[in-house]
Amino acid sequence: MMYRQAVQVILMGLLCLVAAPSAGQEAKVTPILTKDLAGVAGKEAVMLTVEYAPGASSAKHRHNANTFVYVLEGSIVMQVEGGKAVTLGPGQTFYESPDDVHAVSKNASDTQPAKFLVFFVKDKGAPPLVPVK
């Protein structure tokens, strides 16, 4: 149990560092679940929510994971390198492959906050985010 708590603390710290909004505020990252995947050796699932303040955005990064995003509130702009930017609202989804570089992740509004759920399938113990320059 302590291992899972340590992983969640590390996960939250990494996400806050990489997802630091451009406006100088940190994104609010709330870990929900980390679970080994039965029948899938060496893989784990991680669920968390991310809240962006109005106008906030994340630095360029990659996840090295299958990453699924589900918008809960507000609207966000997402783009992977080589892909088109998409603006998503509540109930809409976005996917990133383990090879994608997440070039744009931002709140589409300068006046309203945004909140989304993130679900990763990744190598057990691997960092959920890796900064990209």
N, C-alpha and C. Protein backbone atom coordinates (compact mmCIF):
# COMPACT_ATOMS: atom_id res chain seq x y z
N MET A 1 0.82 -1.19 0.00
CA MET A 1 0.00 0.00 0.00
C MET A 1 0.87 1.26 0.00
N MET A 2 1.96 1.26 0.77
CA MET A 2 2.81 2.44 0.79
C MET A 2 3.43 2.69 -0.57
N TYR A 3 3.74 1.62 -1.32
CA TYR A 3 4.30 1.77 -2.66
C TYR A 3 3.34 2.54 -3.54
N ARG A 4 2.07 2.18 -3.51
CA ARG A 4 1.06 2.87 -4.33
C ARG A 4 0.95 4.33 -3.94
N GLN A 5 0.97 4.62 -2.65
CA GLN A 5 0.89 6.00 -2.20
C GLN A 5 2.10 6.79 -2.68
N ALA A 6 3.29 6.17 -2.60
CA ALA A 6 4.51 6.84 -3.06
C ALA A 6 4.43 7.11 -4.55
N VAL A 7 3.94 6.14 -5.32
CA VAL A 7 3.80 6.31 -6.76
C VAL A 7 2.82 7.45 -7.05
N GLN A 8 1.72 7.52 -6.31
CA GLN A 8 0.75 8.58 -6.54
C GLN A 8 1.33 9.96 -6.22
N VAL A 9 2.14 10.05 -5.14
CA VAL A 9 2.76 11.33 -4.80
C VAL A 9 3.74 11.75 -5.89
N ILE A 10 4.56 10.80 -6.37
CA ILE A 10 5.51 11.08 -7.46
C ILE A 10 4.76 11.48 -8.72
N LEU A 11 3.71 10.74 -9.04
CA LEU A 11 2.88 11.04 -10.21
C LEU A 11 2.32 12.45 -10.14
N MET A 12 1.78 12.81 -8.99
CA MET A 12 1.20 14.14 -8.85
C MET A 12 2.27 15.22 -8.98
N GLY A 13 3.43 15.00 -8.40
CA GLY A 13 4.51 15.97 -8.50
C GLY A 13 4.97 16.15 -9.93
N LEU A 14 5.16 15.05 -10.65
CA LEU A 14 5.58 15.14 -12.04
C LEU A 14 4.54 15.85 -12.89
N LEU A 15 3.30 15.50 -12.69
CA LEU A 15 2.25 16.14 -13.48
C LEU A 15 2.16 17.62 -13.19
N CYS A 16 2.33 18.01 -11.95
CA CYS A 16 2.27 19.44 -11.61
C CYS A 16 3.44 20.18 -12.24
N LEU A 17 4.61 19.57 -12.26
CA LEU A 17 5.77 20.23 -12.87
C LEU A 17 5.60 20.39 -14.37
N VAL A 18 5.20 19.31 -15.04
CA VAL A 18 5.09 19.35 -16.50
C VAL A 18 3.83 20.08 -16.93
N ALA A 19 2.79 19.99 -16.15
CA ALA A 19 1.53 20.62 -16.53
C ALA A 19 1.39 22.01 -15.94
N ALA A 20 2.51 22.62 -15.57
CA ALA A 20 2.43 23.96 -15.00
C ALA A 20 1.88 24.93 -16.04
N PRO A 21 0.77 25.56 -15.75
CA PRO A 21 0.17 26.48 -16.71
C PRO A 21 1.07 27.67 -17.00
N SER A 22 0.93 28.20 -18.19
CA SER A 22 1.74 29.33 -18.62
C SER A 22 1.44 30.59 -17.81
N ALA A 23 0.30 30.66 -17.19
CA ALA A 23 -0.07 31.84 -16.41
C ALA A 23 0.62 31.87 -15.05
N GLY A 24 1.48 30.87 -14.75
CA GLY A 24 2.20 30.86 -13.50
C GLY A 24 1.53 30.06 -12.40
N GLN A 25 0.35 29.53 -12.63
CA GLN A 25 -0.33 28.70 -11.66
C GLN A 25 -0.13 27.25 -12.05
N GLU A 26 -0.09 26.37 -11.04
CA GLU A 26 0.01 24.95 -11.35
C GLU A 26 -1.37 24.40 -11.68
N ALA A 27 -1.38 23.41 -12.57
CA ALA A 27 -2.62 22.69 -12.82
C ALA A 27 -2.93 21.89 -11.57
N LYS A 28 -4.19 21.74 -11.26
CA LYS A 28 -4.57 20.90 -10.12
C LYS A 28 -4.72 19.48 -10.63
N VAL A 29 -3.85 18.60 -10.15
CA VAL A 29 -3.87 17.20 -10.56
C VAL A 29 -4.30 16.37 -9.36
N THR A 30 -5.35 15.57 -9.56
CA THR A 30 -5.87 14.74 -8.48
C THR A 30 -5.80 13.27 -8.88
N PRO A 31 -4.87 12.51 -8.28
CA PRO A 31 -4.81 11.07 -8.57
C PRO A 31 -6.09 10.39 -8.07
N ILE A 32 -6.59 9.45 -8.87
CA ILE A 32 -7.80 8.73 -8.51
C ILE A 32 -7.50 7.26 -8.25
N LEU A 33 -6.69 6.64 -9.14
CA LEU A 33 -6.47 5.20 -9.05
C LEU A 33 -5.18 4.82 -9.75
N THR A 34 -4.42 3.92 -9.15
CA THR A 34 -3.31 3.24 -9.82
C THR A 34 -3.52 1.76 -9.57
N LYS A 35 -3.56 0.97 -10.64
CA LYS A 35 -3.91 -0.45 -10.50
C LYS A 35 -3.13 -1.31 -11.49
N ASP A 36 -2.49 -2.38 -10.99
CA ASP A 36 -1.86 -3.34 -11.88
C ASP A 36 -2.95 -3.97 -12.75
N LEU A 37 -2.62 -4.25 -14.01
CA LEU A 37 -3.59 -4.84 -14.92
C LEU A 37 -3.45 -6.35 -14.94
N ALA A 38 -4.47 -7.03 -14.49
CA ALA A 38 -4.48 -8.49 -14.48
C ALA A 38 -4.40 -9.01 -15.90
N GLY A 39 -3.53 -9.98 -16.12
CA GLY A 39 -3.42 -10.59 -17.44
C GLY A 39 -2.59 -9.78 -18.42
N VAL A 40 -2.05 -8.64 -17.99
CA VAL A 40 -1.21 -7.81 -18.85
C VAL A 40 0.08 -7.54 -18.08
N ALA A 41 1.01 -8.46 -18.21
CA ALA A 41 2.25 -8.41 -17.42
C ALA A 41 2.99 -7.09 -17.60
N GLY A 42 3.39 -6.50 -16.47
CA GLY A 42 4.21 -5.30 -16.50
C GLY A 42 3.49 -4.01 -16.81
N LYS A 43 2.16 -4.04 -16.90
CA LYS A 43 1.38 -2.83 -17.23
C LYS A 43 0.51 -2.44 -16.04
N GLU A 44 0.25 -1.12 -15.95
CA GLU A 44 -0.66 -0.61 -14.94
C GLU A 44 -1.55 0.45 -15.55
N ALA A 45 -2.68 0.67 -14.89
CA ALA A 45 -3.60 1.74 -15.28
C ALA A 45 -3.50 2.83 -14.23
N VAL A 46 -3.56 4.08 -14.69
CA VAL A 46 -3.55 5.23 -13.80
C VAL A 46 -4.68 6.15 -14.24
N MET A 47 -5.49 6.58 -13.27
CA MET A 47 -6.56 7.54 -13.53
C MET A 47 -6.34 8.76 -12.66
N LEU A 48 -6.58 9.95 -13.25
CA LEU A 48 -6.46 11.19 -12.51
C LEU A 48 -7.29 12.26 -13.18
N THR A 49 -7.54 13.33 -12.47
CA THR A 49 -8.19 14.49 -13.08
C THR A 49 -7.18 15.63 -13.12
N VAL A 50 -7.35 16.48 -14.13
CA VAL A 50 -6.52 17.68 -14.29
C VAL A 50 -7.47 18.86 -14.42
N GLU A 51 -7.19 19.92 -13.67
CA GLU A 51 -7.98 21.15 -13.76
C GLU A 51 -7.07 22.28 -14.20
N TYR A 52 -7.47 22.96 -15.28
CA TYR A 52 -6.75 24.12 -15.78
C TYR A 52 -7.50 25.39 -15.40
N ALA A 53 -6.78 26.35 -14.89
CA ALA A 53 -7.35 27.67 -14.65
C ALA A 53 -7.63 28.33 -16.01
N PRO A 54 -8.43 29.37 -16.04
CA PRO A 54 -8.66 30.07 -17.31
C PRO A 54 -7.34 30.48 -17.97
N GLY A 55 -7.21 30.18 -19.26
CA GLY A 55 -6.02 30.55 -20.02
C GLY A 55 -4.79 29.70 -19.79
N ALA A 56 -4.85 28.71 -18.92
CA ALA A 56 -3.68 27.90 -18.58
C ALA A 56 -3.35 26.89 -19.68
N SER A 57 -2.08 26.49 -19.73
CA SER A 57 -1.63 25.50 -20.71
C SER A 57 -0.47 24.70 -20.12
N SER A 58 -0.15 23.58 -20.76
CA SER A 58 0.96 22.73 -20.32
C SER A 58 2.13 22.85 -21.27
N ALA A 59 3.31 22.57 -20.75
CA ALA A 59 4.52 22.52 -21.57
C ALA A 59 4.47 21.26 -22.45
N LYS A 60 5.20 21.29 -23.55
CA LYS A 60 5.29 20.15 -24.48
C LYS A 60 5.85 18.93 -23.73
N HIS A 61 5.21 17.77 -23.95
CA HIS A 61 5.61 16.56 -23.24
C HIS A 61 5.13 15.31 -23.99
N ARG A 62 5.53 14.17 -23.48
CA ARG A 62 5.01 12.89 -23.97
C ARG A 62 4.65 12.04 -22.77
N HIS A 63 3.83 11.04 -23.00
CA HIS A 63 3.39 10.20 -21.90
C HIS A 63 4.00 8.80 -21.92
N ASN A 64 4.51 8.34 -23.06
CA ASN A 64 5.00 6.97 -23.18
C ASN A 64 3.95 5.98 -22.67
N ALA A 65 2.70 6.26 -22.99
CA ALA A 65 1.57 5.45 -22.53
C ALA A 65 0.42 5.61 -23.52
N ASN A 66 -0.49 4.67 -23.49
CA ASN A 66 -1.77 4.87 -24.16
C ASN A 66 -2.53 5.81 -23.24
N THR A 67 -2.91 6.96 -23.77
CA THR A 67 -3.50 8.01 -22.93
C THR A 67 -4.87 8.39 -23.48
N PHE A 68 -5.86 8.31 -22.59
CA PHE A 68 -7.23 8.62 -22.95
C PHE A 68 -7.68 9.82 -22.12
N VAL A 69 -8.25 10.82 -22.76
CA VAL A 69 -8.72 12.03 -22.09
C VAL A 69 -10.22 12.15 -22.30
N TYR A 70 -10.93 12.50 -21.23
CA TYR A 70 -12.38 12.71 -21.28
C TYR A 70 -12.67 14.05 -20.60
N VAL A 71 -13.25 14.98 -21.34
CA VAL A 71 -13.50 16.32 -20.80
C VAL A 71 -14.73 16.29 -19.90
N LEU A 72 -14.55 16.80 -18.69
CA LEU A 72 -15.63 16.85 -17.71
C LEU A 72 -16.32 18.22 -17.68
N GLU A 73 -15.52 19.29 -17.72
CA GLU A 73 -16.06 20.65 -17.63
C GLU A 73 -15.23 21.59 -18.49
N GLY A 74 -15.87 22.63 -19.00
CA GLY A 74 -15.16 23.63 -19.79
C GLY A 74 -14.77 23.10 -21.15
N SER A 75 -13.73 23.70 -21.73
CA SER A 75 -13.24 23.24 -23.03
C SER A 75 -11.72 23.33 -23.05
N ILE A 76 -11.11 22.38 -23.75
CA ILE A 76 -9.66 22.31 -23.85
C ILE A 76 -9.25 22.15 -25.31
N VAL A 77 -8.02 22.57 -25.60
CA VAL A 77 -7.45 22.38 -26.93
C VAL A 77 -6.33 21.35 -26.77
N MET A 78 -6.36 20.32 -27.61
CA MET A 78 -5.36 19.26 -27.58
C MET A 78 -4.78 19.09 -28.98
N GLN A 79 -3.47 18.78 -29.03
CA GLN A 79 -2.82 18.51 -30.31
C GLN A 79 -1.57 17.68 -30.06
N VAL A 80 -1.38 16.65 -30.89
CA VAL A 80 -0.12 15.92 -30.90
C VAL A 80 0.66 16.36 -32.13
N GLU A 81 1.99 16.28 -32.06
CA GLU A 81 2.81 16.69 -33.21
C GLU A 81 2.38 15.93 -34.45
N GLY A 82 2.23 16.67 -35.54
CA GLY A 82 1.80 16.08 -36.81
C GLY A 82 0.30 15.97 -36.95
N GLY A 83 -0.44 16.27 -35.88
CA GLY A 83 -1.91 16.20 -35.94
C GLY A 83 -2.52 17.58 -35.91
N LYS A 84 -3.83 17.63 -36.06
CA LYS A 84 -4.56 18.91 -36.03
C LYS A 84 -4.97 19.21 -34.59
N ALA A 85 -4.96 20.48 -34.24
CA ALA A 85 -5.47 20.90 -32.94
C ALA A 85 -6.98 20.72 -32.93
N VAL A 86 -7.50 20.20 -31.82
CA VAL A 86 -8.94 20.02 -31.67
C VAL A 86 -9.38 20.69 -30.38
N THR A 87 -10.55 21.30 -30.42
CA THR A 87 -11.14 21.89 -29.23
C THR A 87 -12.25 20.96 -28.77
N LEU A 88 -12.17 20.57 -27.51
CA LEU A 88 -13.08 19.57 -26.97
C LEU A 88 -13.89 20.14 -25.82
N GLY A 89 -15.15 19.75 -25.73
CA GLY A 89 -16.03 20.15 -24.64
C GLY A 89 -16.46 18.94 -23.83
N PRO A 90 -17.30 19.16 -22.82
CA PRO A 90 -17.76 18.07 -21.96
C PRO A 90 -18.29 16.87 -22.75
N GLY A 91 -17.82 15.70 -22.34
CA GLY A 91 -18.24 14.46 -22.98
C GLY A 91 -17.40 14.06 -24.18
N GLN A 92 -16.51 14.93 -24.64
CA GLN A 92 -15.66 14.59 -25.78
C GLN A 92 -14.34 13.98 -25.31
N THR A 93 -13.70 13.24 -26.23
CA THR A 93 -12.51 12.48 -25.88
C THR A 93 -11.34 12.79 -26.78
N PHE A 94 -10.15 12.39 -26.32
CA PHE A 94 -8.91 12.57 -27.05
C PHE A 94 -8.02 11.40 -26.71
N TYR A 95 -7.22 10.94 -27.69
CA TYR A 95 -6.32 9.80 -27.47
C TYR A 95 -4.91 10.16 -27.91
N GLU A 96 -3.93 9.71 -27.16
CA GLU A 96 -2.52 9.83 -27.52
C GLU A 96 -1.89 8.45 -27.45
N SER A 97 -1.11 8.10 -28.46
CA SER A 97 -0.40 6.81 -28.44
C SER A 97 0.89 6.98 -27.64
N PRO A 98 1.54 5.89 -27.27
CA PRO A 98 2.80 5.97 -26.54
C PRO A 98 3.90 6.72 -27.32
N ASP A 99 3.78 6.80 -28.63
CA ASP A 99 4.80 7.46 -29.45
C ASP A 99 4.51 8.94 -29.70
N ASP A 100 3.33 9.41 -29.35
CA ASP A 100 2.95 10.80 -29.62
C ASP A 100 3.67 11.79 -28.71
N VAL A 101 3.95 12.97 -29.26
CA VAL A 101 4.43 14.10 -28.47
C VAL A 101 3.24 15.05 -28.33
N HIS A 102 2.88 15.35 -27.09
CA HIS A 102 1.74 16.20 -26.80
C HIS A 102 2.19 17.65 -26.92
N ALA A 103 1.94 18.24 -28.09
CA ALA A 103 2.44 19.57 -28.41
C ALA A 103 1.59 20.69 -27.81
N VAL A 104 0.26 20.48 -27.75
CA VAL A 104 -0.65 21.50 -27.21
C VAL A 104 -1.63 20.84 -26.24
N SER A 105 -1.72 21.41 -25.06
CA SER A 105 -2.72 21.03 -24.07
C SER A 105 -3.04 22.31 -23.31
N LYS A 106 -4.22 22.86 -23.56
CA LYS A 106 -4.53 24.14 -22.91
C LYS A 106 -6.02 24.32 -22.73
N ASN A 107 -6.34 25.20 -21.80
CA ASN A 107 -7.72 25.60 -21.59
C ASN A 107 -8.08 26.50 -22.77
N ALA A 108 -9.20 26.21 -23.41
CA ALA A 108 -9.63 27.01 -24.57
C ALA A 108 -10.21 28.36 -24.16
N SER A 109 -10.49 28.52 -22.87
CA SER A 109 -11.13 29.76 -22.39
C SER A 109 -10.18 30.57 -21.52
N ASP A 110 -10.27 31.89 -21.66
CA ASP A 110 -9.53 32.80 -20.79
C ASP A 110 -10.36 33.24 -19.58
N THR A 111 -11.61 32.75 -19.51
CA THR A 111 -12.49 33.18 -18.42
C THR A 111 -13.07 32.03 -17.59
N GLN A 112 -13.08 30.82 -18.14
CA GLN A 112 -13.68 29.68 -17.43
C GLN A 112 -12.65 28.59 -17.19
N PRO A 113 -12.71 27.89 -16.05
CA PRO A 113 -11.80 26.77 -15.82
C PRO A 113 -12.20 25.56 -16.67
N ALA A 114 -11.30 24.60 -16.77
CA ALA A 114 -11.57 23.35 -17.49
C ALA A 114 -11.09 22.19 -16.64
N LYS A 115 -11.79 21.08 -16.74
CA LYS A 115 -11.43 19.88 -15.97
C LYS A 115 -11.60 18.66 -16.87
N PHE A 116 -10.60 17.76 -16.82
CA PHE A 116 -10.70 16.55 -17.62
C PHE A 116 -10.13 15.35 -16.87
N LEU A 117 -10.62 14.18 -17.24
CA LEU A 117 -10.18 12.91 -16.70
C LEU A 117 -9.12 12.33 -17.63
N VAL A 118 -8.04 11.81 -17.07
CA VAL A 118 -6.99 11.17 -17.86
C VAL A 118 -6.85 9.73 -17.40
N PHE A 119 -6.79 8.81 -18.36
CA PHE A 119 -6.61 7.39 -18.09
C PHE A 119 -5.38 6.92 -18.87
N PHE A 120 -4.35 6.47 -18.16
CA PHE A 120 -3.12 5.96 -18.79
C PHE A 120 -3.07 4.45 -18.68
N VAL A 121 -2.57 3.79 -19.72
CA VAL A 121 -2.13 2.41 -19.65
C VAL A 121 -0.65 2.47 -19.98
N LYS A 122 0.20 2.12 -18.98
CA LYS A 122 1.63 2.34 -19.13
C LYS A 122 2.43 1.23 -18.48
N ASP A 123 3.74 1.23 -18.73
CA ASP A 123 4.62 0.28 -18.07
C ASP A 123 4.59 0.55 -16.57
N LYS A 124 4.51 -0.50 -15.79
CA LYS A 124 4.46 -0.37 -14.34
C LYS A 124 5.68 0.38 -13.82
N GLY A 125 5.44 1.40 -13.02
CA GLY A 125 6.51 2.16 -12.42
C GLY A 125 7.14 3.22 -13.30
N ALA A 126 6.81 3.26 -14.59
CA ALA A 126 7.38 4.25 -15.50
C ALA A 126 6.76 5.61 -15.21
N PRO A 127 7.54 6.68 -15.41
CA PRO A 127 6.96 8.00 -15.18
C PRO A 127 5.82 8.27 -16.17
N PRO A 128 4.77 8.94 -15.72
CA PRO A 128 3.62 9.18 -16.59
C PRO A 128 3.90 10.28 -17.61
N LEU A 129 4.87 11.14 -17.32
CA LEU A 129 5.17 12.25 -18.22
C LEU A 129 6.67 12.40 -18.39
N VAL A 130 7.05 12.77 -19.62
CA VAL A 130 8.46 13.06 -19.91
C VAL A 130 8.47 14.38 -20.66
N PRO A 131 9.17 15.41 -20.12
CA PRO A 131 9.23 16.70 -20.83
C PRO A 131 9.92 16.56 -22.19
N VAL A 132 9.48 17.37 -23.14
CA VAL A 132 10.07 17.39 -24.48
C VAL A 132 10.41 18.83 -24.80
N LYS A 133 11.61 19.05 -25.35
CA LYS A 133 12.02 20.42 -25.71
C LYS A 133 11.77 20.69 -27.16
